[in-house]
PDB file of all heavy atoms in Angstrom:
ATOM      1  N   PRO A   1     160.625 175.315 107.323  1.00  0.00           N
ATOM      2  CA  PRO A   1     160.224 175.835 106.001  1.00  0.00           C
ATOM      3  C   PRO A   1     159.592 174.770 105.107  1.00  0.00           C
ATOM      4  O   PRO A   1     158.588 175.025 104.432  1.00  0.00           O
ATOM      5  CB  PRO A   1     161.549 176.346 105.415  1.00  0.00           C
ATOM      6  CG  PRO A   1     162.396 176.653 106.600  1.00  0.00           C
ATOM      7  CD  PRO A   1     162.038 175.602 107.608  1.00  0.00           C
ATOM      8  N   GLY A   2     160.149 173.568 105.096  1.00  0.00           N
ATOM      9  CA  GLY A   2     159.566 172.494 104.308  1.00  0.00           C
ATOM     10  C   GLY A   2     158.211 172.061 104.843  1.00  0.00           C
ATOM     11  O   GLY A   2     157.294 171.763 104.069  1.00  0.00           O
ATOM     12  N   PHE A   3     158.073 172.038 106.168  1.00  0.00           N
ATOM     13  CA  PHE A   3     156.799 171.678 106.775  1.00  0.00           C
ATOM     14  C   PHE A   3     155.742 172.730 106.454  1.00  0.00           C
ATOM     15  O   PHE A   3     154.572 172.399 106.246  1.00  0.00           O
ATOM     16  CB  PHE A   3     156.958 171.537 108.284  1.00  0.00           C
ATOM     17  CG  PHE A   3     155.704 171.118 108.994  1.00  0.00           C
ATOM     18  CD1 PHE A   3     155.300 169.790 108.984  1.00  0.00           C
ATOM     19  CD2 PHE A   3     154.916 172.048 109.656  1.00  0.00           C
ATOM     20  CE1 PHE A   3     154.139 169.392 109.630  1.00  0.00           C
ATOM     21  CE2 PHE A   3     153.754 171.662 110.299  1.00  0.00           C
ATOM     22  CZ  PHE A   3     153.358 170.334 110.287  1.00  0.00           C
ATOM     23  N   GLN A   4     156.147 173.979 106.396  1.00  0.00           N
ATOM     24  CA  GLN A   4     155.218 175.051 106.044  1.00  0.00           C
ATOM     25  C   GLN A   4     154.638 174.837 104.651  1.00  0.00           C
ATOM     26  O   GLN A   4     153.432 174.994 104.429  1.00  0.00           O
ATOM     27  CB  GLN A   4     155.942 176.398 106.106  1.00  0.00           C
ATOM     28  CG  GLN A   4     155.093 177.579 105.654  1.00  0.00           C
ATOM     29  CD  GLN A   4     155.841 178.901 105.794  1.00  0.00           C
ATOM     30  OE1 GLN A   4     156.889 178.976 106.433  1.00  0.00           O
ATOM     31  NE2 GLN A   4     155.314 179.941 105.191  1.00  0.00           N
ATOM     32  N   ASN A   5     155.484 174.458 103.723  1.00  0.00           N
ATOM     33  CA  ASN A   5     155.024 174.184 102.372  1.00  0.00           C
ATOM     34  C   ASN A   5     154.057 172.999 102.356  1.00  0.00           C
ATOM     35  O   ASN A   5     153.019 173.033 101.681  1.00  0.00           O
ATOM     36  CB  ASN A   5     156.221 173.894 101.469  1.00  0.00           C
ATOM     37  CG  ASN A   5     155.834 173.697 100.027  1.00  0.00           C
ATOM     38  OD1 ASN A   5     155.218 174.565  99.406  1.00  0.00           O
ATOM     39  ND2 ASN A   5     156.191 172.557  99.463  1.00  0.00           N
ATOM     40  N   GLU A   6     154.361 171.966 103.108  1.00  0.00           N
ATOM     41  CA  GLU A   6     153.504 170.788 103.167  1.00  0.00           C
ATOM     42  C   GLU A   6     152.162 171.117 103.814  1.00  0.00           C
ATOM     43  O   GLU A   6     151.113 170.609 103.390  1.00  0.00           O
ATOM     44  CB  GLU A   6     154.209 169.670 103.950  1.00  0.00           C
ATOM     45  CG  GLU A   6     153.416 168.384 104.083  1.00  0.00           C
ATOM     46  CD  GLU A   6     153.103 167.729 102.755  1.00  0.00           C
ATOM     47  OE1 GLU A   6     153.758 168.066 101.735  1.00  0.00           O
ATOM     48  OE2 GLU A   6     152.188 166.887 102.714  1.00  0.00           O
ATOM     49  N   PHE A   7     152.175 171.982 104.807  1.00  0.00           N
ATOM     50  CA  PHE A   7     150.931 172.402 105.462  1.00  0.00           C
ATOM     51  C   PHE A   7     150.003 173.052 104.446  1.00  0.00           C
ATOM     52  O   PHE A   7     148.800 172.751 104.386  1.00  0.00           O
ATOM     53  CB  PHE A   7     151.255 173.387 106.594  1.00  0.00           C
ATOM     54  CG  PHE A   7     150.154 173.556 107.603  1.00  0.00           C
ATOM     55  CD1 PHE A   7     150.352 173.209 108.925  1.00  0.00           C
ATOM     56  CD2 PHE A   7     148.918 174.064 107.228  1.00  0.00           C
ATOM     57  CE1 PHE A   7     149.338 173.359 109.862  1.00  0.00           C
ATOM     58  CE2 PHE A   7     147.897 174.213 108.158  1.00  0.00           C
ATOM     59  CZ  PHE A   7     148.107 173.863 109.474  1.00  0.00           C
ATOM     60  N   THR A   8     150.555 173.932 103.626  1.00  0.00           N
ATOM     61  CA  THR A   8     149.754 174.620 102.617  1.00  0.00           C
ATOM     62  C   THR A   8     149.196 173.637 101.599  1.00  0.00           C
ATOM     63  O   THR A   8     148.030 173.735 101.192  1.00  0.00           O
ATOM     64  CB  THR A   8     150.601 175.689 101.907  1.00  0.00           C
ATOM     65  OG1 THR A   8     151.129 176.603 102.878  1.00  0.00           O
ATOM     66  CG2 THR A   8     149.780 176.457 100.892  1.00  0.00           C
ATOM     67  N   ILE A   9     150.008 172.684 101.176  1.00  0.00           N
ATOM     68  CA  ILE A   9     149.571 171.700 100.183  1.00  0.00           C
ATOM     69  C   ILE A   9     148.436 170.839 100.727  1.00  0.00           C
ATOM     70  O   ILE A   9     147.428 170.607 100.052  1.00  0.00           O
ATOM     71  CB  ILE A   9     150.757 170.820  99.743  1.00  0.00           C
ATOM     72  CG1 ILE A   9     151.759 171.651  98.937  1.00  0.00           C
ATOM     73  CG2 ILE A   9     150.275 169.622  98.926  1.00  0.00           C
ATOM     74  CD1 ILE A   9     153.032 170.919  98.605  1.00  0.00           C
ATOM     75  N   VAL A  10     148.577 170.360 101.958  1.00  0.00           N
ATOM     76  CA  VAL A  10     147.545 169.504 102.547  1.00  0.00           C
ATOM     77  C   VAL A  10     146.249 170.290 102.733  1.00  0.00           C
ATOM     78  O   VAL A  10     145.145 169.756 102.495  1.00  0.00           O
ATOM     79  CB  VAL A  10     148.017 168.913 103.887  1.00  0.00           C
ATOM     80  CG1 VAL A  10     146.876 168.194 104.598  1.00  0.00           C
ATOM     81  CG2 VAL A  10     149.171 167.955 103.657  1.00  0.00           C
ATOM     82  N   LEU A  11     146.360 171.544 103.138  1.00  0.00           N
ATOM     83  CA  LEU A  11     145.173 172.381 103.311  1.00  0.00           C
ATOM     84  C   LEU A  11     144.366 172.450 102.020  1.00  0.00           C
ATOM     85  O   LEU A  11     143.139 172.301 102.020  1.00  0.00           O
ATOM     86  CB  LEU A  11     145.575 173.780 103.768  1.00  0.00           C
ATOM     87  CG  LEU A  11     144.461 174.827 103.846  1.00  0.00           C
ATOM     88  CD1 LEU A  11     143.399 174.405 104.848  1.00  0.00           C
ATOM     89  CD2 LEU A  11     145.026 176.193 104.206  1.00  0.00           C
ATOM     90  N   LYS A  12     145.045 172.642 100.909  1.00  0.00           N
ATOM     91  CA  LYS A  12     144.343 172.718  99.621  1.00  0.00           C
ATOM     92  C   LYS A  12     143.919 171.340  99.127  1.00  0.00           C
ATOM     93  O   LYS A  12     142.886 171.211  98.451  1.00  0.00           O
ATOM     94  CB  LYS A  12     145.233 173.421  98.596  1.00  0.00           C
ATOM     95  CG  LYS A  12     145.451 174.904  98.908  1.00  0.00           C
ATOM     96  CD  LYS A  12     146.276 175.588  97.842  1.00  0.00           C
ATOM     97  CE  LYS A  12     147.716 175.142  97.870  1.00  0.00           C
ATOM     98  NZ  LYS A  12     148.558 175.917  96.918  1.00  0.00           N
ATOM     99  N   ASP A  13     144.682 170.317  99.470  1.00  0.00           N
ATOM    100  CA  ASP A  13     144.338 168.962  99.017  1.00  0.00           C
ATOM    101  C   ASP A  13     143.124 168.387  99.743  1.00  0.00           C
ATOM    102  O   ASP A  13     142.569 167.368  99.304  1.00  0.00           O
ATOM    103  CB  ASP A  13     145.528 168.016  99.217  1.00  0.00           C
ATOM    104  CG  ASP A  13     146.542 168.118  98.087  1.00  0.00           C
ATOM    105  OD1 ASP A  13     146.247 168.796  97.085  1.00  0.00           O
ATOM    106  OD2 ASP A  13     147.629 167.525  98.203  1.00  0.00           O
ATOM    107  N   THR A  14     142.699 169.021 100.838  1.00  0.00           N
ATOM    108  CA  THR A  14     141.496 168.532 101.513  1.00  0.00           C
ATOM    109  C   THR A  14     140.283 168.587 100.591  1.00  0.00           C
ATOM    110  O   THR A  14     139.312 167.855 100.796  1.00  0.00           O
ATOM    111  CB  THR A  14     141.192 169.349 102.780  1.00  0.00           C
ATOM    112  OG1 THR A  14     141.084 170.745 102.436  1.00  0.00           O
ATOM    113  CG2 THR A  14     142.291 169.182 103.814  1.00  0.00           C
ATOM    114  N   SER A  15     140.335 169.440  99.574  1.00  0.00           N
ATOM    115  CA  SER A  15     139.212 169.528  98.632  1.00  0.00           C
ATOM    116  C   SER A  15     139.039 168.240  97.842  1.00  0.00           C
ATOM    117  O   SER A  15     137.968 167.987  97.273  1.00  0.00           O
ATOM    118  CB  SER A  15     139.428 170.706  97.670  1.00  0.00           C
ATOM    119  OG  SER A  15     140.618 170.535  96.919  1.00  0.00           O
ATOM    120  N   ILE A  16     140.086 167.381  97.811  1.00  0.00           N
ATOM    121  CA  ILE A  16     139.985 166.100  97.103  1.00  0.00           C
ATOM    122  C   ILE A  16     138.968 165.184  97.779  1.00  0.00           C
ATOM    123  O   ILE A  16     138.422 164.270  97.154  1.00  0.00           O
ATOM    124  CB  ILE A  16     141.373 165.416  97.044  1.00  0.00           C
ATOM    125  CG1 ILE A  16     142.369 166.314  96.304  1.00  0.00           C
ATOM    126  CG2 ILE A  16     141.295 164.074  96.364  1.00  0.00           C
ATOM    127  CD1 ILE A  16     142.004 166.599  94.872  1.00  0.00           C
ATOM    128  N   ALA A  17     138.694 165.418  99.066  1.00  0.00           N
ATOM    129  CA  ALA A  17     137.695 164.612  99.768  1.00  0.00           C
ATOM    130  C   ALA A  17     136.316 164.764  99.141  1.00  0.00           C
ATOM    131  O   ALA A  17     135.394 163.990  99.434  1.00  0.00           O
ATOM    132  CB  ALA A  17     137.646 165.004 101.246  1.00  0.00           C
ATOM    133  N   PHE A  18     136.187 165.741  98.283  1.00  0.00           N
ATOM    134  CA  PHE A  18     134.984 165.912  97.472  1.00  0.00           C
ATOM    135  C   PHE A  18     134.648 164.615  96.724  1.00  0.00           C
ATOM    136  O   PHE A  18     133.474 164.288  96.507  1.00  0.00           O
ATOM    137  CB  PHE A  18     135.261 167.054  96.476  1.00  0.00           C
ATOM    138  CG  PHE A  18     134.211 167.256  95.428  1.00  0.00           C
ATOM    139  CD1 PHE A  18     133.118 168.059  95.677  1.00  0.00           C
ATOM    140  CD2 PHE A  18     134.325 166.659  94.186  1.00  0.00           C
ATOM    141  CE1 PHE A  18     132.152 168.246  94.706  1.00  0.00           C
ATOM    142  CE2 PHE A  18     133.362 166.851  93.210  1.00  0.00           C
ATOM    143  CZ  PHE A  18     132.273 167.649  93.477  1.00  0.00           C
ATOM    144  N   ALA A  19     135.671 163.829  96.361  1.00  0.00           N
ATOM    145  CA  ALA A  19     135.472 162.607  95.562  1.00  0.00           C
ATOM    146  C   ALA A  19     134.695 161.529  96.310  1.00  0.00           C
ATOM    147  O   ALA A  19     134.066 160.676  95.681  1.00  0.00           O
ATOM    148  CB  ALA A  19     136.823 162.053  95.116  1.00  0.00           C
ATOM    149  N   ILE A  20     134.731 161.553  97.652  1.00  0.00           N
ATOM    150  CA  ILE A  20     134.005 160.536  98.416  1.00  0.00           C
ATOM    151  C   ILE A  20     132.831 161.153  99.173  1.00  0.00           C
ATOM    152  O   ILE A  20     132.278 160.542 100.091  1.00  0.00           O
ATOM    153  CB  ILE A  20     134.939 159.799  99.401  1.00  0.00           C
ATOM    154  CG1 ILE A  20     135.646 160.772 100.352  1.00  0.00           C
ATOM    155  CG2 ILE A  20     135.949 158.961  98.645  1.00  0.00           C
ATOM    156  CD1 ILE A  20     136.479 160.091 101.417  1.00  0.00           C
ATOM    157  N   GLY A  21     132.467 162.374  98.790  1.00  0.00           N
ATOM    158  CA  GLY A  21     131.277 162.993  99.349  1.00  0.00           C
ATOM    159  C   GLY A  21     131.422 163.577 100.730  1.00  0.00           C
ATOM    160  O   GLY A  21     130.403 163.868 101.385  1.00  0.00           O
ATOM    161  N   LEU A  22     132.645 163.748 101.220  1.00  0.00           N
ATOM    162  CA  LEU A  22     132.828 164.354 102.534  1.00  0.00           C
ATOM    163  C   LEU A  22     132.410 165.823 102.470  1.00  0.00           C
ATOM    164  O   LEU A  22     132.828 166.550 101.568  1.00  0.00           O
ATOM    165  CB  LEU A  22     134.292 164.244 102.983  1.00  0.00           C
ATOM    166  CG  LEU A  22     134.605 164.765 104.385  1.00  0.00           C
ATOM    167  CD1 LEU A  22     133.884 163.944 105.441  1.00  0.00           C
ATOM    168  CD2 LEU A  22     136.108 164.742 104.646  1.00  0.00           C
ATOM    169  N   ALA A  23     131.602 166.248 103.420  1.00  0.00           N
ATOM    170  CA  ALA A  23     131.029 167.592 103.377  1.00  0.00           C
ATOM    171  C   ALA A  23     132.021 168.645 103.847  1.00  0.00           C
ATOM    172  O   ALA A  23     131.789 169.351 104.825  1.00  0.00           O
ATOM    173  CB  ALA A  23     129.756 167.648 104.212  1.00  0.00           C
ATOM    174  N   GLU A  24     133.150 168.750 103.120  1.00  0.00           N
ATOM    175  CA  GLU A  24     134.089 169.829 103.425  1.00  0.00           C
ATOM    176  C   GLU A  24     133.676 171.063 102.618  1.00  0.00           C
ATOM    177  O   GLU A  24     132.587 171.116 102.056  1.00  0.00           O
ATOM    178  CB  GLU A  24     135.537 169.399 103.147  1.00  0.00           C
ATOM    179  CG  GLU A  24     135.762 168.637 101.863  1.00  0.00           C
ATOM    180  CD  GLU A  24     135.673 169.506 100.645  1.00  0.00           C
ATOM    181  OE1 GLU A  24     136.416 170.491 100.557  1.00  0.00           O
ATOM    182  OE2 GLU A  24     134.845 169.210  99.768  1.00  0.00           O
ATOM    183  N   LEU A  25     134.564 172.035 102.526  1.00  0.00           N
ATOM    184  CA  LEU A  25     134.193 173.334 101.971  1.00  0.00           C
ATOM    185  C   LEU A  25     133.769 173.253 100.504  1.00  0.00           C
ATOM    186  O   LEU A  25     132.749 173.819 100.104  1.00  0.00           O
ATOM    187  CB  LEU A  25     135.358 174.308 102.151  1.00  0.00           C
ATOM    188  CG  LEU A  25     135.087 175.783 101.825  1.00  0.00           C
ATOM    189  CD1 LEU A  25     133.910 176.304 102.633  1.00  0.00           C
ATOM    190  CD2 LEU A  25     136.334 176.617 102.111  1.00  0.00           C
ATOM    191  N   LEU A  26     134.557 172.566  99.676  1.00  0.00           N
ATOM    192  CA  LEU A  26     134.244 172.497  98.252  1.00  0.00           C
ATOM    193  C   LEU A  26     132.943 171.733  97.996  1.00  0.00           C
ATOM    194  O   LEU A  26     132.136 172.129  97.149  1.00  0.00           O
ATOM    195  CB  LEU A  26     135.398 171.848  97.494  1.00  0.00           C
ATOM    196  CG  LEU A  26     135.239 171.778  95.966  1.00  0.00           C
ATOM    197  CD1 LEU A  26     135.124 173.179  95.383  1.00  0.00           C
ATOM    198  CD2 LEU A  26     136.408 171.033  95.336  1.00  0.00           C
ATOM    199  N   THR A  27     132.729 170.648  98.718  1.00  0.00           N
ATOM    200  CA  THR A  27     131.498 169.873  98.560  1.00  0.00           C
ATOM    201  C   THR A  27     130.278 170.720  98.896  1.00  0.00           C
ATOM    202  O   THR A  27     129.257 170.690  98.199  1.00  0.00           O
ATOM    203  CB  THR A  27     131.530 168.628  99.461  1.00  0.00           C
ATOM    204  OG1 THR A  27     132.721 167.890  99.200  1.00  0.00           O
ATOM    205  CG2 THR A  27     130.325 167.746  99.214  1.00  0.00           C
ATOM    206  N   ARG A  28     130.359 171.480  99.956  1.00  0.00           N
ATOM    207  CA  ARG A  28     129.241 172.323 100.363  1.00  0.00           C
ATOM    208  C   ARG A  28     129.014 173.451  99.359  1.00  0.00           C
ATOM    209  O   ARG A  28     127.864 173.832  99.094  1.00  0.00           O
ATOM    210  CB  ARG A  28     129.493 172.890 101.760  1.00  0.00           C
ATOM    211  CG  ARG A  28     129.379 171.837 102.851  1.00  0.00           C
ATOM    212  CD  ARG A  28     129.809 172.371 104.199  1.00  0.00           C
ATOM    213  NE  ARG A  28     129.762 171.309 105.203  1.00  0.00           N
ATOM    214  CZ  ARG A  28     128.748 171.119 106.041  1.00  0.00           C
ATOM    215  NH1 ARG A  28     127.689 171.899 105.994  1.00  0.00           N
ATOM    216  NH2 ARG A  28     128.784 170.140 106.921  1.00  0.00           N
TER     217      ARG A  28
END
């Protein structure tokens, strides 16, 4: 259950890669 919560958080935190120009979903 705790890992499930962390999985969700990391999935949404990938948008932070926007700060270094990584072409993930939010950057595109």
